[in-house]
Amino acid sequence: MKILIYILLSMTLWVTHPSDNPAPCSMAYDGIDLKTKLYTKIMSPAHFFYYTPQELKNDMQTNNLLECKAQLTQIEDQVYLNLNLITFSEKAAREYGSIEMGNILKIKTIDNKTHEIQCRAGSNGQRLNHENKYLYSVSYTLEKSDIKGLLKSEIDKIGIQWSSGFEEYTIYEIDLIKNQLTCLNL
C-alpha cells in the first residue's frame, strides 16, 4: 500500500491551457517503474473541467475558481483516475477543505448511470509558489465494473466529496476517460 501511495503521490500533473491538451493516446510513461519494479502506464494529463460560480464570474474575469486536469494510471492490473484540482483562491483551505482517503467521487454518464469510486490518495491542498493557487492531487480507484461502464459512455458530471461538502461539476471533455481507457487497451 505504501508503494502504491508513493507512486500516486509522486506523479505530477503539469498545468497547461485547456487548448494544450495532448493527443488522445499520449502516454507520459509506459514501462517498469524503477522504484517499485511494477509495470506502469501513465496517460498524459488533460484538461477535464473548470468551474466558477455565477456570483464570482465578474470578479474572476480571466481565471476560473477551479480547474481540473485528469489522467489515468495503470499499475499492473489496477487502474486509477488521478485528478489535479487547482483553486485560484487564497481561501481554498477554508472554502474547500481537503479530500480525504475514502471519500467518494460520483461520476454521472450521459446515459444517466452513476459510478461511485473511492479516493485512495487524498490531499489537504498545497499552496503553489506563494501564489493564490492551491493544488489538490488526488487518486481514485477504478474497479472493473466502473471501467466497463465508462468505456461505453461519456461523462456528463462528477461530484467531489470535499471535507467542506459535496460539489458537482459539469464535464467539458466528456470522452476523456473513455479515450484514455481505450488507449490503455482495457
C-alpha atoms as a PDB file:
ATOM      1  CA  MET A   1       0.000   0.000   0.000  1.00  0.00           C
ATOM      2  CA  LYS A   2       2.844   2.414   0.827  1.00  0.00           C
ATOM      3  CA  ILE A   3       4.405   1.802  -2.584  1.00  0.00           C
ATOM      4  CA  LEU A   4       1.113   2.463  -4.329  1.00  0.00           C
ATOM      5  CA  ILE A   5       0.561   5.723  -2.436  1.00  0.00           C
ATOM      6  CA  TYR A   6       4.148   6.755  -3.243  1.00  0.00           C
ATOM      7  CA  ILE A   7       3.531   6.186  -6.964  1.00  0.00           C
ATOM      8  CA  LEU A   8       0.227   8.008  -6.943  1.00  0.00           C
ATOM      9  CA  LEU A   9       1.502  10.975  -4.957  1.00  0.00           C
ATOM     10  CA  SER A  10       4.800  11.266  -6.811  1.00  0.00           C
ATOM     11  CA  MET A  11       3.071  11.644 -10.173  1.00  0.00           C
ATOM     12  CA  THR A  12       2.995  15.257 -11.189  1.00  0.00           C
ATOM     13  CA  LEU A  13       0.346  16.601 -13.484  1.00  0.00           C
ATOM     14  CA  TRP A  14       1.534  19.729 -15.175  1.00  0.00           C
ATOM     15  CA  VAL A  15      -0.806  22.633 -15.717  1.00  0.00           C
ATOM     16  CA  THR A  16      -1.404  23.868 -19.243  1.00  0.00           C
ATOM     17  CA  HIS A  17      -4.024  25.836 -21.064  1.00  0.00           C
ATOM     18  CA  PRO A  18      -7.124  23.766 -21.993  1.00  0.00           C
ATOM     19  CA  SER A  19      -6.282  24.047 -25.703  1.00  0.00           C
ATOM     20  CA  ASP A  20      -2.904  22.424 -24.967  1.00  0.00           C
ATOM     21  CA  ASN A  21      -4.445  19.009 -24.324  1.00  0.00           C
ATOM     22  CA  PRO A  22      -2.270  16.159 -25.586  1.00  0.00           C
ATOM     23  CA  ALA A  23      -3.332  13.784 -28.335  1.00  0.00           C
ATOM     24  CA  PRO A  24      -5.915  11.254 -27.070  1.00  0.00           C
ATOM     25  CA  CYS A  25      -3.396   8.404 -26.688  1.00  0.00           C
ATOM     26  CA  SER A  26      -0.465  10.416 -25.420  1.00  0.00           C
ATOM     27  CA  MET A  27       1.387   8.315 -22.869  1.00  0.00           C
ATOM     28  CA  ALA A  28       3.502  10.046 -20.202  1.00  0.00           C
ATOM     29  CA  TYR A  29       5.129   6.761 -19.121  1.00  0.00           C
ATOM     30  CA  ASP A  30       4.974   3.129 -20.207  1.00  0.00           C
ATOM     31  CA  GLY A  31       7.359   0.674 -18.580  1.00  0.00           C
ATOM     32  CA  ILE A  32       8.689  -0.824 -15.379  1.00  0.00           C
ATOM     33  CA  ASP A  33       8.787   1.691 -12.529  1.00  0.00           C
ATOM     34  CA  LEU A  34      12.386   1.695 -11.303  1.00  0.00           C
ATOM     35  CA  LYS A  35      11.455   2.185  -7.657  1.00  0.00           C
ATOM     36  CA  THR A  36       8.565  -0.273  -7.342  1.00  0.00           C
ATOM     37  CA  LYS A  37       9.544  -2.714 -10.129  1.00  0.00           C
ATOM     38  CA  LEU A  38       5.873  -2.781 -11.222  1.00  0.00           C
ATOM     39  CA  TYR A  39       4.706  -2.402 -14.826  1.00  0.00           C
ATOM     40  CA  THR A  40       3.130   1.049 -15.050  1.00  0.00           C
ATOM     41  CA  LYS A  41       1.351   3.046 -17.749  1.00  0.00           C
ATOM     42  CA  ILE A  42       0.592   6.709 -17.135  1.00  0.00           C
ATOM     43  CA  MET A  43      -1.513   8.665 -19.598  1.00  0.00           C
ATOM     44  CA  SER A  44      -0.610  12.308 -20.216  1.00  0.00           C
ATOM     45  CA  PRO A  45      -2.780  14.659 -18.166  1.00  0.00           C
ATOM     46  CA  ALA A  46      -5.508  16.547 -19.981  1.00  0.00           C
ATOM     47  CA  HIS A  47      -7.984  19.306 -19.172  1.00  0.00           C
ATOM     48  CA  PHE A  48     -11.150  17.782 -17.679  1.00  0.00           C
ATOM     49  CA  PHE A  49     -13.287  20.683 -16.418  1.00  0.00           C
ATOM     50  CA  TYR A  50     -13.261  24.165 -14.970  1.00  0.00           C
ATOM     51  CA  TYR A  51     -15.689  25.829 -12.602  1.00  0.00           C
ATOM     52  CA  THR A  52     -16.578  29.322 -11.435  1.00  0.00           C
ATOM     53  CA  PRO A  53     -19.790  30.021  -9.516  1.00  0.00           C
ATOM     54  CA  GLN A  54     -22.043  32.516 -11.288  1.00  0.00           C
ATOM     55  CA  GLU A  55     -21.659  35.063  -8.474  1.00  0.00           C
ATOM     56  CA  LEU A  56     -17.852  35.134  -8.953  1.00  0.00           C
ATOM     57  CA  LYS A  57     -17.675  35.309 -12.761  1.00  0.00           C
ATOM     58  CA  ASN A  58     -17.209  39.100 -12.831  1.00  0.00           C
ATOM     59  CA  ASP A  59     -14.522  39.003 -10.129  1.00  0.00           C
ATOM     60  CA  MET A  60     -12.533  36.135 -11.676  1.00  0.00           C
ATOM     61  CA  GLN A  61     -12.532  37.543 -15.262  1.00  0.00           C
ATOM     62  CA  THR A  62      -9.543  35.664 -16.755  1.00  0.00           C
ATOM     63  CA  ASN A  63      -9.262  32.698 -14.356  1.00  0.00           C
ATOM     64  CA  ASN A  64     -11.695  30.125 -13.106  1.00  0.00           C
ATOM     65  CA  LEU A  65     -12.115  29.411  -9.426  1.00  0.00           C
ATOM     66  CA  LEU A  66     -11.328  25.736 -10.000  1.00  0.00           C
ATOM     67  CA  GLU A  67      -9.629  23.925 -12.870  1.00  0.00           C
ATOM     68  CA  CYS A  68      -9.081  20.186 -13.156  1.00  0.00           C
ATOM     69  CA  LYS A  69      -6.709  18.045 -15.175  1.00  0.00           C
ATOM     70  CA  ALA A  70      -7.179  14.280 -15.250  1.00  0.00           C
ATOM     71  CA  GLN A  71      -5.177  11.246 -16.250  1.00  0.00           C
ATOM     72  CA  LEU A  72      -5.436   7.513 -15.877  1.00  0.00           C
ATOM     73  CA  THR A  73      -2.672   5.376 -14.427  1.00  0.00           C
ATOM     74  CA  GLN A  74      -2.457   1.610 -14.723  1.00  0.00           C
ATOM     75  CA  ILE A  75      -0.201  -0.227 -12.278  1.00  0.00           C
ATOM     76  CA  GLU A  76      -0.149  -3.922 -13.137  1.00  0.00           C
ATOM     77  CA  ASP A  77      -3.909  -4.778 -13.359  1.00  0.00           C
ATOM     78  CA  GLN A  78      -5.243  -1.846 -11.278  1.00  0.00           C
ATOM     79  CA  VAL A  79      -6.418   1.436 -12.842  1.00  0.00           C
ATOM     80  CA  TYR A  80      -6.555   4.802 -11.085  1.00  0.00           C
ATOM     81  CA  LEU A  81      -8.153   8.113 -12.001  1.00  0.00           C
ATOM     82  CA  ASN A  82      -5.834  10.927 -10.923  1.00  0.00           C
ATOM     83  CA  LEU A  83      -7.145  14.472 -10.619  1.00  0.00           C
ATOM     84  CA  ASN A  84      -5.189  17.663 -10.122  1.00  0.00           C
ATOM     85  CA  LEU A  85      -7.570  20.332  -8.902  1.00  0.00           C
ATOM     86  CA  ILE A  86      -6.215  23.880  -8.824  1.00  0.00           C
ATOM     87  CA  THR A  87      -8.146  26.532  -6.956  1.00  0.00           C
ATOM     88  CA  PHE A  88      -7.398  30.174  -7.663  1.00  0.00           C
ATOM     89  CA  SER A  89      -8.235  31.370  -4.184  1.00  0.00           C
ATOM     90  CA  GLU A  90      -6.200  32.248  -1.114  1.00  0.00           C
ATOM     91  CA  LYS A  91      -9.133  30.935   0.949  1.00  0.00           C
ATOM     92  CA  ALA A  92      -9.076  27.462  -0.653  1.00  0.00           C
ATOM     93  CA  ALA A  93      -8.188  25.623   2.542  1.00  0.00           C
ATOM     94  CA  ARG A  94     -11.135  27.220   4.354  1.00  0.00           C
ATOM     95  CA  GLU A  95     -13.634  27.093   1.460  1.00  0.00           C
ATOM     96  CA  TYR A  96     -12.892  23.587   0.179  1.00  0.00           C
ATOM     97  CA  GLY A  97     -11.011  21.914   2.999  1.00  0.00           C
ATOM     98  CA  SER A  98      -9.499  18.614   1.954  1.00  0.00           C
ATOM     99  CA  ILE A  99     -10.289  15.446   0.061  1.00  0.00           C
ATOM    100  CA  GLU A 100      -9.761  12.525   2.400  1.00  0.00           C
ATOM    101  CA  MET A 101      -8.793   8.952   1.612  1.00  0.00           C
ATOM    102  CA  GLY A 102     -12.054   7.013   1.385  1.00  0.00           C
ATOM    103  CA  ASN A 103     -14.104   9.965   0.105  1.00  0.00           C
ATOM    104  CA  ILE A 104     -16.387   9.211  -2.829  1.00  0.00           C
ATOM    105  CA  LEU A 105     -16.264  10.652  -6.346  1.00  0.00           C
ATOM    106  CA  LYS A 106     -19.560  10.300  -8.213  1.00  0.00           C
ATOM    107  CA  ILE A 107     -19.308  10.013 -11.976  1.00  0.00           C
ATOM    108  CA  LYS A 108     -22.553  10.568 -13.889  1.00  0.00           C
ATOM    109  CA  THR A 109     -22.626   9.494 -17.518  1.00  0.00           C
ATOM    110  CA  ILE A 110     -24.775  10.949 -20.275  1.00  0.00           C
ATOM    111  CA  ASP A 111     -26.915   7.787 -20.217  1.00  0.00           C
ATOM    112  CA  ASN A 112     -27.867   8.533 -16.559  1.00  0.00           C
ATOM    113  CA  LYS A 113     -25.693   5.893 -14.916  1.00  0.00           C
ATOM    114  CA  THR A 114     -23.697   6.724 -11.795  1.00  0.00           C
ATOM    115  CA  HIS A 115     -20.359   5.255 -10.749  1.00  0.00           C
ATOM    116  CA  GLU A 116     -19.099   5.858  -7.235  1.00  0.00           C
ATOM    117  CA  ILE A 117     -15.366   5.476  -6.888  1.00  0.00           C
ATOM    118  CA  GLN A 118     -13.280   5.722  -3.747  1.00  0.00           C
ATOM    119  CA  CYS A 119     -10.349   8.044  -3.075  1.00  0.00           C
ATOM    120  CA  ARG A 120      -7.130   6.073  -2.498  1.00  0.00           C
ATOM    121  CA  ALA A 121      -4.783   9.044  -2.039  1.00  0.00           C
ATOM    122  CA  GLY A 122      -6.309  12.253  -0.680  1.00  0.00           C
ATOM    123  CA  SER A 123      -4.977  15.782  -0.336  1.00  0.00           C
ATOM    124  CA  ASN A 124      -5.111  18.703   2.069  1.00  0.00           C
ATOM    125  CA  GLY A 125      -4.073  21.017  -0.747  1.00  0.00           C
ATOM    126  CA  GLN A 126      -0.776  22.796  -1.071  1.00  0.00           C
ATOM    127  CA  ARG A 127      -0.087  26.406  -1.924  1.00  0.00           C
ATOM    128  CA  LEU A 128       1.766  26.886  -5.196  1.00  0.00           C
ATOM    129  CA  ASN A 129       4.807  29.179  -5.189  1.00  0.00           C
ATOM    130  CA  HIS A 130       3.430  31.847  -2.852  1.00  0.00           C
ATOM    131  CA  GLU A 131       0.568  32.477  -5.280  1.00  0.00           C
ATOM    132  CA  ASN A 132      -3.124  32.439  -4.518  1.00  0.00           C
ATOM    133  CA  LYS A 133      -3.329  28.957  -6.048  1.00  0.00           C
ATOM    134  CA  TYR A 134      -3.825  25.690  -4.213  1.00  0.00           C
ATOM    135  CA  LEU A 135      -3.227  22.268  -5.712  1.00  0.00           C
ATOM    136  CA  TYR A 136      -5.147  19.170  -4.672  1.00  0.00           C
ATOM    137  CA  SER A 137      -3.669  15.981  -6.188  1.00  0.00           C
ATOM    138  CA  VAL A 138      -5.949  13.027  -5.568  1.00  0.00           C
ATOM    139  CA  SER A 139      -6.287   9.498  -6.877  1.00  0.00           C
ATOM    140  CA  TYR A 140      -9.355   7.270  -7.148  1.00  0.00           C
ATOM    141  CA  THR A 141      -9.524   3.513  -7.735  1.00  0.00           C
ATOM    142  CA  LEU A 142     -11.479   2.339 -10.779  1.00  0.00           C
ATOM    143  CA  GLU A 143     -12.988  -1.108 -10.315  1.00  0.00           C
ATOM    144  CA  LYS A 144     -13.501  -3.424 -13.297  1.00  0.00           C
ATOM    145  CA  SER A 145     -17.270  -2.730 -13.326  1.00  0.00           C
ATOM    146  CA  ASP A 146     -16.595   1.029 -13.445  1.00  0.00           C
ATOM    147  CA  ILE A 147     -14.146   0.582 -16.308  1.00  0.00           C
ATOM    148  CA  LYS A 148     -16.662  -1.491 -18.253  1.00  0.00           C
ATOM    149  CA  GLY A 149     -19.364   1.177 -17.814  1.00  0.00           C
ATOM    150  CA  LEU A 150     -17.076   4.123 -18.548  1.00  0.00           C
ATOM    151  CA  LEU A 151     -15.886   2.512 -21.779  1.00  0.00           C
ATOM    152  CA  LYS A 152     -19.491   2.576 -23.010  1.00  0.00           C
ATOM    153  CA  SER A 153     -20.477   6.159 -22.243  1.00  0.00           C
ATOM    154  CA  GLU A 154     -19.264   9.725 -21.963  1.00  0.00           C
ATOM    155  CA  ILE A 155     -19.192  11.593 -18.662  1.00  0.00           C
ATOM    156  CA  ASP A 156     -21.692  14.368 -18.011  1.00  0.00           C
ATOM    157  CA  LYS A 157     -20.894  15.434 -14.430  1.00  0.00           C
ATOM    158  CA  ILE A 158     -18.740  14.490 -11.491  1.00  0.00           C
ATOM    159  CA  GLY A 159     -19.363  15.134  -7.829  1.00  0.00           C
ATOM    160  CA  ILE A 160     -16.458  15.570  -5.449  1.00  0.00           C
ATOM    161  CA  GLN A 161     -16.774  14.965  -1.732  1.00  0.00           C
ATOM    162  CA  TRP A 162     -14.693  17.684  -0.035  1.00  0.00           C
ATOM    163  CA  SER A 163     -14.413  17.963   3.743  1.00  0.00           C
ATOM    164  CA  SER A 164     -16.494  21.158   3.388  1.00  0.00           C
ATOM    165  CA  GLY A 165     -19.278  19.357   1.492  1.00  0.00           C
ATOM    166  CA  PHE A 166     -20.251  17.793  -1.810  1.00  0.00           C
ATOM    167  CA  GLU A 167     -19.951  19.786  -5.040  1.00  0.00           C
ATOM    168  CA  GLU A 168     -20.958  18.791  -8.572  1.00  0.00           C
ATOM    169  CA  TYR A 169     -19.151  19.907 -11.743  1.00  0.00           C
ATOM    170  CA  THR A 170     -20.116  19.785 -15.411  1.00  0.00           C
ATOM    171  CA  ILE A 171     -17.531  17.974 -17.526  1.00  0.00           C
ATOM    172  CA  TYR A 172     -16.352  19.618 -20.752  1.00  0.00           C
ATOM    173  CA  GLU A 173     -14.068  16.843 -22.019  1.00  0.00           C
ATOM    174  CA  ILE A 174     -16.824  14.221 -21.859  1.00  0.00           C
ATOM    175  CA  ASP A 175     -14.872  11.470 -23.606  1.00  0.00           C
ATOM    176  CA  LEU A 176     -11.513  11.969 -21.848  1.00  0.00           C
ATOM    177  CA  ILE A 177     -11.812   8.959 -19.528  1.00  0.00           C
ATOM    178  CA  LYS A 178     -13.332   6.748 -22.241  1.00  0.00           C
ATOM    179  CA  ASN A 179     -10.491   7.632 -24.631  1.00  0.00           C
ATOM    180  CA  GLN A 180      -7.779   7.052 -22.028  1.00  0.00           C
ATOM    181  CA  LEU A 181      -9.285   3.694 -21.037  1.00  0.00           C
ATOM    182  CA  THR A 182      -9.277   2.695 -24.708  1.00  0.00           C
ATOM    183  CA  CYS A 183      -5.643   3.783 -25.024  1.00  0.00           C
ATOM    184  CA  LEU A 184      -4.726   1.561 -22.079  1.00  0.00           C
ATOM    185  CA  ASN A 185      -6.296  -1.349 -24.024  1.00  0.00           C
ATOM    186  CA  LEU A 186      -8.788  -2.153 -21.250  1.00  0.00           C
END
